[in-house]
C-alpha atoms as a PDB file:
ATOM      1  CA  MET A   1     107.596 101.737 100.662  1.00  0.00           C
ATOM      2  CA  ARG A   2     109.990 104.230 102.275  1.00  0.00           C
ATOM      3  CA  ILE A   3     113.421 104.438 100.651  1.00  0.00           C
ATOM      4  CA  GLU A   4     115.079 103.961 104.042  1.00  0.00           C
ATOM      5  CA  ASP A   5     113.335 100.710 104.636  1.00  0.00           C
ATOM      6  CA  TYR A   6     114.989  98.915 101.738  1.00  0.00           C
ATOM      7  CA  PRO A   7     118.074  96.777 102.353  1.00  0.00           C
ATOM      8  CA  PRO A   8     121.295  98.709 101.449  1.00  0.00           C
ATOM      9  CA  GLN A   9     122.499  98.977  97.925  1.00  0.00           C
ATOM     10  CA  GLU A  10     125.705 100.097  96.338  1.00  0.00           C
ATOM     11  CA  PRO A  11     126.650 103.792  97.316  1.00  0.00           C
ATOM     12  CA  PHE A  12     125.493 106.251  94.736  1.00  0.00           C
ATOM     13  CA  SER A  13     128.009 107.997  92.502  1.00  0.00           C
ATOM     14  CA  GLU A  14     127.669 111.726  92.518  1.00  0.00           C
ATOM     15  CA  ILE A  15     125.752 111.723  89.235  1.00  0.00           C
ATOM     16  CA  ALA A  16     123.486 109.052  90.423  1.00  0.00           C
ATOM     17  CA  ARG A  17     122.728 110.932  93.695  1.00  0.00           C
ATOM     18  CA  LYS A  18     121.640 114.016  91.738  1.00  0.00           C
ATOM     19  CA  TYR A  19     119.360 111.842  89.637  1.00  0.00           C
ATOM     20  CA  HIS A  20     117.925 110.157  92.731  1.00  0.00           C
ATOM     21  CA  LEU A  21     117.159 113.574  94.295  1.00  0.00           C
ATOM     22  CA  GLU A  22     115.538 114.787  91.176  1.00  0.00           C
ATOM     23  CA  VAL A  23     113.289 111.868  90.410  1.00  0.00           C
ATOM     24  CA  MET A  24     112.201 111.739  93.986  1.00  0.00           C
ATOM     25  CA  ARG A  25     111.338 115.410  93.858  1.00  0.00           C
ATOM     26  CA  LEU A  26     109.452 114.997  90.608  1.00  0.00           C
ATOM     27  CA  GLY A  27     107.433 112.171  92.176  1.00  0.00           C
ATOM     28  CA  GLU A  28     107.062 113.576  95.696  1.00  0.00           C
ATOM     29  CA  ASP A  29     103.249 113.952  95.381  1.00  0.00           C
ATOM     30  CA  ALA A  30     102.777 110.627  93.526  1.00  0.00           C
ATOM     31  CA  ALA A  31     101.531 107.716  95.727  1.00  0.00           C
ATOM     32  CA  PRO A  32     100.484 104.305  94.338  1.00  0.00           C
ATOM     33  CA  ALA A  33      97.026 103.154  94.966  1.00  0.00           C
ATOM     34  CA  PHE A  34      98.646 100.037  96.269  1.00  0.00           C
ATOM     35  CA  GLU A  35     101.951  98.052  96.304  1.00  0.00           C
ATOM     36  CA  ARG A  36     102.452  94.384  95.759  1.00  0.00           C
ATOM     37  CA  ASN A  37     105.319  92.021  96.214  1.00  0.00           C
ATOM     38  CA  TYR A  38     105.879  89.290  93.659  1.00  0.00           C
ATOM     39  CA  GLY A  39     108.724  87.703  95.747  1.00  0.00           C
ATOM     40  CA  ASP A  40     110.092  87.690  99.254  1.00  0.00           C
ATOM     41  CA  ASP A  41     112.736  90.339  98.818  1.00  0.00           C
ATOM     42  CA  PRO A  42     111.670  94.027  99.330  1.00  0.00           C
ATOM     43  CA  TYR A  43     113.109  94.919  95.982  1.00  0.00           C
ATOM     44  CA  GLN A  44     110.749  92.432  94.268  1.00  0.00           C
ATOM     45  CA  SER A  45     107.890  94.851  94.416  1.00  0.00           C
ATOM     46  CA  LEU A  46     105.438  96.897  92.264  1.00  0.00           C
ATOM     47  CA  GLY A  47     103.733 100.252  92.740  1.00  0.00           C
ATOM     48  CA  VAL A  48     100.354 100.352  91.025  1.00  0.00           C
ATOM     49  CA  PHE A  49      98.705 103.512  89.813  1.00  0.00           C
ATOM     50  CA  PRO A  50      95.207 102.659  88.256  1.00  0.00           C
ATOM     51  CA  ALA A  51      93.886 105.419  86.008  1.00  0.00           C
ATOM     52  CA  ALA A  52      90.722 107.153  87.312  1.00  0.00           C
ATOM     53  CA  ARG A  53      89.108 106.528  83.990  1.00  0.00           C
ATOM     54  CA  PRO A  54      91.028 103.574  82.603  1.00  0.00           C
ATOM     55  CA  ASP A  55      90.904 102.788  78.947  1.00  0.00           C
ATOM     56  CA  GLY A  56      92.405  99.249  79.311  1.00  0.00           C
ATOM     57  CA  ARG A  57      96.071 100.191  78.627  1.00  0.00           C
ATOM     58  CA  VAL A  58      98.705  99.170  81.185  1.00  0.00           C
ATOM     59  CA  PHE A  59     102.227 100.436  81.121  1.00  0.00           C
ATOM     60  CA  VAL A  60     104.740  98.573  83.230  1.00  0.00           C
ATOM     61  CA  PHE A  61     107.925 100.585  83.615  1.00  0.00           C
ATOM     62  CA  ILE A  62     111.333  99.364  85.001  1.00  0.00           C
ATOM     63  CA  HIS A  63     113.818 101.732  86.672  1.00  0.00           C
ATOM     64  CA  GLY A  64     117.431 102.138  85.739  1.00  0.00           C
ATOM     65  CA  GLY A  65     120.499 102.727  87.877  1.00  0.00           C
ATOM     66  CA  GLY A  66     123.298 100.776  86.184  1.00  0.00           C
ATOM     67  CA  TRP A  67     122.010  97.449  87.395  1.00  0.00           C
ATOM     68  CA  THR A  68     123.397  98.221  90.862  1.00  0.00           C
ATOM     69  CA  ASN A  69     121.088 101.085  92.096  1.00  0.00           C
ATOM     70  CA  GLY A  70     117.576 102.182  91.990  1.00  0.00           C
ATOM     71  CA  TYR A  71     114.038 101.821  93.388  1.00  0.00           C
ATOM     72  CA  LYS A  72     110.663 101.372  91.913  1.00  0.00           C
ATOM     73  CA  GLU A  73     109.808 104.758  93.610  1.00  0.00           C
ATOM     74  CA  TRP A  74     112.159 106.415  91.074  1.00  0.00           C
ATOM     75  CA  MET A  75     109.616 106.085  88.361  1.00  0.00           C
ATOM     76  CA  TYR A  76     106.488 107.193  90.251  1.00  0.00           C
ATOM     77  CA  PHE A  77     106.653 110.685  88.659  1.00  0.00           C
ATOM     78  CA  MET A  78     105.670 109.145  85.309  1.00  0.00           C
ATOM     79  CA  ALA A  79     102.314 107.898  86.636  1.00  0.00           C
ATOM     80  CA  ARG A  80     100.414 111.298  86.531  1.00  0.00           C
ATOM     81  CA  PRO A  81     100.630 111.963  82.706  1.00  0.00           C
ATOM     82  CA  MET A  82      99.851 108.297  82.024  1.00  0.00           C
ATOM     83  CA  ASN A  83      96.915 108.217  84.301  1.00  0.00           C
ATOM     84  CA  ALA A  84      95.518 111.477  82.901  1.00  0.00           C
ATOM     85  CA  ALA A  85      95.349 109.752  79.453  1.00  0.00           C
ATOM     86  CA  GLY A  86      93.650 106.695  80.806  1.00  0.00           C
ATOM     87  CA  VAL A  87      96.720 104.486  81.072  1.00  0.00           C
ATOM     88  CA  SER A  88      97.203 102.591  84.301  1.00  0.00           C
ATOM     89  CA  PHE A  89     100.819 102.675  85.392  1.00  0.00           C
ATOM     90  CA  VAL A  90     102.930 100.039  87.209  1.00  0.00           C
ATOM     91  CA  SER A  91     106.443 100.811  88.417  1.00  0.00           C
ATOM     92  CA  LEU A  92     108.544  97.628  88.732  1.00  0.00           C
ATOM     93  CA  GLY A  93     111.464  97.017  91.153  1.00  0.00           C
ATOM     94  CA  TYR A  94     114.010  94.170  91.033  1.00  0.00           C
ATOM     95  CA  ARG A  95     116.957  92.770  92.883  1.00  0.00           C
ATOM     96  CA  LEU A  96     120.278  94.500  92.201  1.00  0.00           C
ATOM     97  CA  ALA A  97     123.859  93.639  91.430  1.00  0.00           C
ATOM     98  CA  PRO A  98     126.519  92.945  92.480  1.00  0.00           C
ATOM     99  CA  ARG A  99     124.707  90.642  94.971  1.00  0.00           C
ATOM    100  CA  HIS A 100     122.443  89.364  92.251  1.00  0.00           C
ATOM    101  CA  VAL A 101     123.788  88.581  88.835  1.00  0.00           C
ATOM    102  CA  PHE A 102     122.215  87.708  85.475  1.00  0.00           C
ATOM    103  CA  PRO A 103     119.680  86.306  84.950  1.00  0.00           C
ATOM    104  CA  THR A 104     118.163  87.059  88.480  1.00  0.00           C
ATOM    105  CA  ALA A 105     116.922  90.557  87.848  1.00  0.00           C
ATOM    106  CA  TYR A 106     115.740  89.630  84.348  1.00  0.00           C
ATOM    107  CA  GLU A 107     113.701  86.796  85.966  1.00  0.00           C
ATOM    108  CA  ASP A 108     112.392  89.302  88.524  1.00  0.00           C
ATOM    109  CA  CYS A 109     111.278  91.663  85.837  1.00  0.00           C
ATOM    110  CA  ALA A 110     109.558  88.784  84.123  1.00  0.00           C
ATOM    111  CA  ALA A 111     107.692  87.813  87.288  1.00  0.00           C
ATOM    112  CA  GLY A 112     106.605  91.430  87.783  1.00  0.00           C
ATOM    113  CA  VAL A 113     105.301  91.701  84.252  1.00  0.00           C
ATOM    114  CA  ILE A 114     103.512  88.341  84.708  1.00  0.00           C
ATOM    115  CA  TRP A 115     101.860  89.737  87.840  1.00  0.00           C
ATOM    116  CA  ALA A 116     100.678  92.841  85.805  1.00  0.00           C
ATOM    117  CA  LEU A 117      99.299  90.498  83.051  1.00  0.00           C
ATOM    118  CA  ASP A 118      97.526  88.266  85.598  1.00  0.00           C
ATOM    119  CA  HIS A 119      96.046  91.112  87.591  1.00  0.00           C
ATOM    120  CA  ALA A 120      95.397  93.808  85.023  1.00  0.00           C
ATOM    121  CA  GLY A 121      91.693  93.279  85.136  1.00  0.00           C
ATOM    122  CA  GLU A 122      91.643  94.078  88.904  1.00  0.00           C
ATOM    123  CA  PHE A 123      92.660  97.734  88.274  1.00  0.00           C
ATOM    124  CA  GLY A 124      90.917  98.551  85.025  1.00  0.00           C
ATOM    125  CA  GLY A 125      93.483  97.098  82.665  1.00  0.00           C
ATOM    126  CA  ASP A 126      93.160  94.733  79.715  1.00  0.00           C
ATOM    127  CA  PRO A 127      95.688  91.948  79.729  1.00  0.00           C
ATOM    128  CA  LYS A 128      95.807  92.135  75.982  1.00  0.00           C
ATOM    129  CA  ARG A 129      96.925  95.810  76.154  1.00  0.00           C
ATOM    130  CA  VAL A 130     100.016  95.556  78.416  1.00  0.00           C
ATOM    131  CA  TYR A 131     103.163  97.468  77.392  1.00  0.00           C
ATOM    132  CA  VAL A 132     106.590  97.360  79.010  1.00  0.00           C
ATOM    133  CA  GLY A 133     109.244 100.010  79.141  1.00  0.00           C
ATOM    134  CA  GLY A 134     112.256 101.109  81.193  1.00  0.00           C
ATOM    135  CA  HIS A 135     115.007 103.654  81.403  1.00  0.00           C
ATOM    136  CA  SER A 136     118.688 102.726  80.959  1.00  0.00           C
ATOM    137  CA  ALA A 137     119.209  99.329  82.718  1.00  0.00           C
ATOM    138  CA  GLY A 138     115.420  99.104  82.959  1.00  0.00           C
ATOM    139  CA  GLY A 139     115.289  99.694  79.205  1.00  0.00           C
ATOM    140  CA  HIS A 140     117.624  96.676  78.801  1.00  0.00           C
ATOM    141  CA  TYR A 141     115.350  94.341  80.840  1.00  0.00           C
ATOM    142  CA  ALA A 142     112.268  95.620  78.995  1.00  0.00           C
ATOM    143  CA  ALA A 143     113.884  94.862  75.592  1.00  0.00           C
ATOM    144  CA  LEU A 144     114.928  91.445  76.693  1.00  0.00           C
ATOM    145  CA  LEU A 145     111.351  90.699  77.760  1.00  0.00           C
ATOM    146  CA  ALA A 146     110.053  91.918  74.449  1.00  0.00           C
ATOM    147  CA  THR A 147     112.345  89.874  72.337  1.00  0.00           C
ATOM    148  CA  ARG A 148     112.882  86.601  74.268  1.00  0.00           C
ATOM    149  CA  PRO A 149     110.291  83.843  74.704  1.00  0.00           C
ATOM    150  CA  ASP A 150     111.800  81.980  77.574  1.00  0.00           C
ATOM    151  CA  TRP A 151     109.946  83.830  80.360  1.00  0.00           C
ATOM    152  CA  ARG A 152     106.479  83.415  78.885  1.00  0.00           C
ATOM    153  CA  ARG A 153     106.604  80.048  77.178  1.00  0.00           C
ATOM    154  CA  ALA A 154     104.896  78.109  80.034  1.00  0.00           C
ATOM    155  CA  ARG A 155     101.996  80.521  80.234  1.00  0.00           C
ATOM    156  CA  TRP A 156     101.793  81.957  76.687  1.00  0.00           C
ATOM    157  CA  PRO A 157     103.244  79.335  74.320  1.00  0.00           C
ATOM    158  CA  GLN A 158     101.685  80.816  71.265  1.00  0.00           C
ATOM    159  CA  GLY A 159     103.305  84.288  71.455  1.00  0.00           C
ATOM    160  CA  ASN A 160     104.419  87.183  73.447  1.00  0.00           C
ATOM    161  CA  PRO A 161     101.474  88.768  75.408  1.00  0.00           C
ATOM    162  CA  LEU A 162     103.153  92.161  75.424  1.00  0.00           C
ATOM    163  CA  ARG A 163     101.664  94.719  73.083  1.00  0.00           C
ATOM    164  CA  GLY A 164     104.768  96.870  72.792  1.00  0.00           C
ATOM    165  CA  CYS A 165     108.122  97.883  74.230  1.00  0.00           C
ATOM    166  CA  LEU A 166     109.266 101.483  75.023  1.00  0.00           C
ATOM    167  CA  PRO A 167     112.909 101.524  76.153  1.00  0.00           C
ATOM    168  CA  VAL A 168     114.433 104.904  76.978  1.00  0.00           C
ATOM    169  CA  SER A 169     118.219 105.185  76.717  1.00  0.00           C
ATOM    170  CA  GLY A 170     118.283 101.400  76.832  1.00  0.00           C
ATOM    171  CA  VAL A 171     121.280  99.079  76.565  1.00  0.00           C
ATOM    172  CA  PHE A 172     120.735  96.349  73.816  1.00  0.00           C
ATOM    173  CA  ARG A 173     123.914  94.457  73.691  1.00  0.00           C
ATOM    174  CA  PHE A 174     127.120  93.622  75.618  1.00  0.00           C
ATOM    175  CA  GLY A 175     130.577  92.394  74.785  1.00  0.00           C
ATOM    176  CA  ASP A 176     132.773  93.318  71.875  1.00  0.00           C
ATOM    177  CA  GLY A 177     131.610  96.381  69.997  1.00  0.00           C
ATOM    178  CA  SER A 178     129.091  97.364  72.616  1.00  0.00           C
ATOM    179  CA  GLY A 179     130.894 100.593  73.412  1.00  0.00           C
ATOM    180  CA  LEU A 180     130.750  99.981  77.183  1.00  0.00           C
ATOM    181  CA  SER A 181     133.998 101.058  78.847  1.00  0.00           C
ATOM    182  CA  VAL A 182     133.723  98.526  81.670  1.00  0.00           C
ATOM    183  CA  ARG A 183     131.928  95.208  81.958  1.00  0.00           C
ATOM    184  CA  PRO A 184     128.738  95.670  83.962  1.00  0.00           C
ATOM    185  CA  ARG A 185     128.884  93.814  87.255  1.00  0.00           C
ATOM    186  CA  PHE A 186     125.395  92.327  86.837  1.00  0.00           C
ATOM    187  CA  LEU A 187     126.906  90.050  84.149  1.00  0.00           C
ATOM    188  CA  GLY A 188     128.836  88.233  86.907  1.00  0.00           C
ATOM    189  CA  PRO A 189     132.516  87.281  86.941  1.00  0.00           C
ATOM    190  CA  GLU A 190     134.792  87.314  83.940  1.00  0.00           C
ATOM    191  CA  GLY A 191     134.409  84.098  82.106  1.00  0.00           C
ATOM    192  CA  ALA A 192     130.646  83.802  82.848  1.00  0.00           C
ATOM    193  CA  SER A 193     130.020  84.241  79.213  1.00  0.00           C
ATOM    194  CA  VAL A 194     126.524  85.596  79.423  1.00  0.00           C
ATOM    195  CA  GLU A 195     126.982  88.681  77.301  1.00  0.00           C
ATOM    196  CA  ARG A 196     125.138  87.325  74.312  1.00  0.00           C
ATOM    197  CA  ALA A 197     122.279  85.758  76.533  1.00  0.00           C
ATOM    198  CA  ALA A 198     121.903  89.226  78.189  1.00  0.00           C
ATOM    199  CA  SER A 199     121.759  91.108  74.884  1.00  0.00           C
ATOM    200  CA  ALA A 200     118.340  91.874  73.370  1.00  0.00           C
ATOM    201  CA  TYR A 201     120.061  92.648  70.041  1.00  0.00           C
ATOM    202  CA  PHE A 202     120.925  88.997  69.305  1.00  0.00           C
ATOM    203  CA  ASP A 203     118.671  85.884  68.796  1.00  0.00           C
ATOM    204  CA  ILE A 204     115.483  87.823  68.649  1.00  0.00           C
ATOM    205  CA  GLU A 205     112.417  85.564  68.503  1.00  0.00           C
ATOM    206  CA  ASP A 206     109.447  87.599  69.647  1.00  0.00           C
ATOM    207  CA  LYS A 207     108.380  90.356  67.256  1.00  0.00           C
ATOM    208  CA  THR A 208     107.088  93.009  69.655  1.00  0.00           C
ATOM    209  CA  PRO A 209     106.803  96.471  68.238  1.00  0.00           C
ATOM    210  CA  PHE A 210     109.320  98.958  69.693  1.00  0.00           C
ATOM    211  CA  LEU A 211     109.413 102.639  70.354  1.00  0.00           C
ATOM    212  CA  ILE A 212     113.117 103.385  71.152  1.00  0.00           C
ATOM    213  CA  ALA A 213     114.083 106.751  72.592  1.00  0.00           C
ATOM    214  CA  HIS A 214     117.193 108.440  73.672  1.00  0.00           C
ATOM    215  CA  GLY A 215     118.566 111.941  74.117  1.00  0.00           C
ATOM    216  CA  ASP A 216     120.697 113.816  71.485  1.00  0.00           C
ATOM    217  CA  ARG A 217     123.192 114.342  74.300  1.00  0.00           C
ATOM    218  CA  ASP A 218     122.893 110.891  75.749  1.00  0.00           C
ATOM    219  CA  PHE A 219     125.903 108.573  76.408  1.00  0.00           C
ATOM    220  CA  PRO A 220     127.427 107.984  72.982  1.00  0.00           C
ATOM    221  CA  HIS A 221     127.378 104.249  73.158  1.00  0.00           C
ATOM    222  CA  LEU A 222     123.684 104.323  73.921  1.00  0.00           C
ATOM    223  CA  MET A 223     122.871 106.481  70.946  1.00  0.00           C
ATOM    224  CA  VAL A 224     124.816 104.153  68.654  1.00  0.00           C
ATOM    225  CA  GLN A 225     123.128 101.034  70.224  1.00  0.00           C
ATOM    226  CA  GLY A 226     119.703 102.672  69.766  1.00  0.00           C
ATOM    227  CA  ALA A 227     120.441 103.156  65.993  1.00  0.00           C
ATOM    228  CA  GLU A 228     121.806  99.643  65.723  1.00  0.00           C
ATOM    229  CA  MET A 229     118.743  98.097  67.472  1.00  0.00           C
ATOM    230  CA  GLU A 230     116.450  99.962  65.180  1.00  0.00           C
ATOM    231  CA  THR A 231     118.309  98.649  62.156  1.00  0.00           C
ATOM    232  CA  GLN A 232     118.268  95.083  63.535  1.00  0.00           C
ATOM    233  CA  LEU A 233     114.512  95.198  64.262  1.00  0.00           C
ATOM    234  CA  ARG A 234     113.782  96.506  60.754  1.00  0.00           C
ATOM    235  CA  ARG A 235     115.943  93.803  59.264  1.00  0.00           C
ATOM    236  CA  LEU A 236     113.685  91.364  60.956  1.00  0.00           C
ATOM    237  CA  SER A 237     110.528  93.231  59.826  1.00  0.00           C
ATOM    238  CA  ILE A 238     109.587  94.075  63.386  1.00  0.00           C
ATOM    239  CA  PRO A 239     107.692  97.386  63.748  1.00  0.00           C
ATOM    240  CA  VAL A 240     110.029  99.951  65.240  1.00  0.00           C
ATOM    241  CA  GLU A 241     110.225 103.817  65.786  1.00  0.00           C
ATOM    242  CA  ARG A 242     113.187 105.690  67.125  1.00  0.00           C
ATOM    243  CA  MET A 243     112.926 109.145  68.491  1.00  0.00           C
ATOM    244  CA  VAL A 244     115.783 111.373  69.539  1.00  0.00           C
ATOM    245  CA  LEU A 245     114.903 113.815  72.355  1.00  0.00           C
ATOM    246  CA  GLU A 246     116.376 117.203  71.552  1.00  0.00           C
ATOM    247  CA  GLY A 247     118.522 118.753  74.233  1.00  0.00           C
ATOM    248  CA  ALA A 248     118.250 115.705  76.539  1.00  0.00           C
ATOM    249  CA  ASP A 249     121.208 113.859  78.119  1.00  0.00           C
ATOM    250  CA  HIS A 250     120.821 110.458  79.666  1.00  0.00           C
ATOM    251  CA  PHE A 251     118.897 111.775  82.555  1.00  0.00           C
ATOM    252  CA  GLY A 252     116.965 114.378  80.720  1.00  0.00           C
ATOM    253  CA  ALA A 253     115.601 111.463  78.603  1.00  0.00           C
ATOM    254  CA  SER A 254     114.167 110.013  81.822  1.00  0.00           C
ATOM    255  CA  TYR A 255     112.748 113.290  83.096  1.00  0.00           C
ATOM    256  CA  ALA A 256     110.833 113.625  79.772  1.00  0.00           C
ATOM    257  CA  GLY A 257     108.440 111.126  81.268  1.00  0.00           C
ATOM    258  CA  ALA A 258     107.018 113.836  83.497  1.00  0.00           C
ATOM    259  CA  ASP A 259     106.056 116.232  80.751  1.00  0.00           C
ATOM    260  CA  ALA A 260     102.459 115.565  79.665  1.00  0.00           C
ATOM    261  CA  GLY A 261     102.841 117.919  76.774  1.00  0.00           C
ATOM    262  CA  GLY A 262     106.352 116.853  75.764  1.00  0.00           C
ATOM    263  CA  PRO A 263     107.406 114.858  72.833  1.00  0.00           C
ATOM    264  CA  TRP A 264     108.067 111.635  74.536  1.00  0.00           C
ATOM    265  CA  VAL A 265     104.851 111.385  76.525  1.00  0.00           C
ATOM    266  CA  LYS A 266     102.875 112.220  73.344  1.00  0.00           C
ATOM    267  CA  ALA A 267     104.825 109.700  71.276  1.00  0.00           C
ATOM    268  CA  ALA A 268     104.376 106.991  73.977  1.00  0.00           C
ATOM    269  CA  LEU A 269     100.634 107.429  74.176  1.00  0.00           C
ATOM    270  CA  ARG A 270     100.289 107.352  70.417  1.00  0.00           C
ATOM    271  CA  PHE A 271     102.446 104.283  70.174  1.00  0.00           C
ATOM    272  CA  MET A 272     100.217 102.555  72.893  1.00  0.00           C
ATOM    273  CA  SER A 273      97.108 103.439  70.973  1.00  0.00           C
END
């Protein structure tokens, strides 16, 4: 879908504008084999990149953008190195704040992942080898899906069908002690009291393995949260790895997904094996 055909979203900040231009440049030659909508809104859509020689692995990735910005097209640049390794790649879009507040986008991401689980076999995937990841706000939603059973109980009551979670520069908790300087608008108005419900750090039920990544020059609160999430998962005996990407800031950690020979892609493919 063309960016200009989407309904308007919040104006980009200068730093978001630069990120938008760079990820669109990185993915300018990447076109999905097909797109699918899982809802009526244009943002409720998926870009699907089947591997030429699929090995069954499916990687569903959720874009960031501070919960108020972003497009599934932002993550298209990640498809090439994944496809080359036999992994089919799905980029997931969702409805944005401030028009849509929690749990709307979380439910959107769940619906998109359910679509991938249901249809994996149609593009060379194995529904038992589906992984979810995301950058920044997308890492937040991926972590919620990996730790919470509410979205999958009706279909998969015996356990989470996800094989693993790969958040990059993700946010894992909100409220006191989170390090966030302002309350994200996707949480809704003050007094909505959804901070705990929106935090993957608390009330973890599903024991999905994690590969947590962030840059060594990332936003400070995200580096702290990544270390805290690792500790929390280890305390619960959930398999977890955390990698720190040298020389990468918040956006460089995202760009690492384009580098087939780089440390994050290598670690992600090993983790998904």
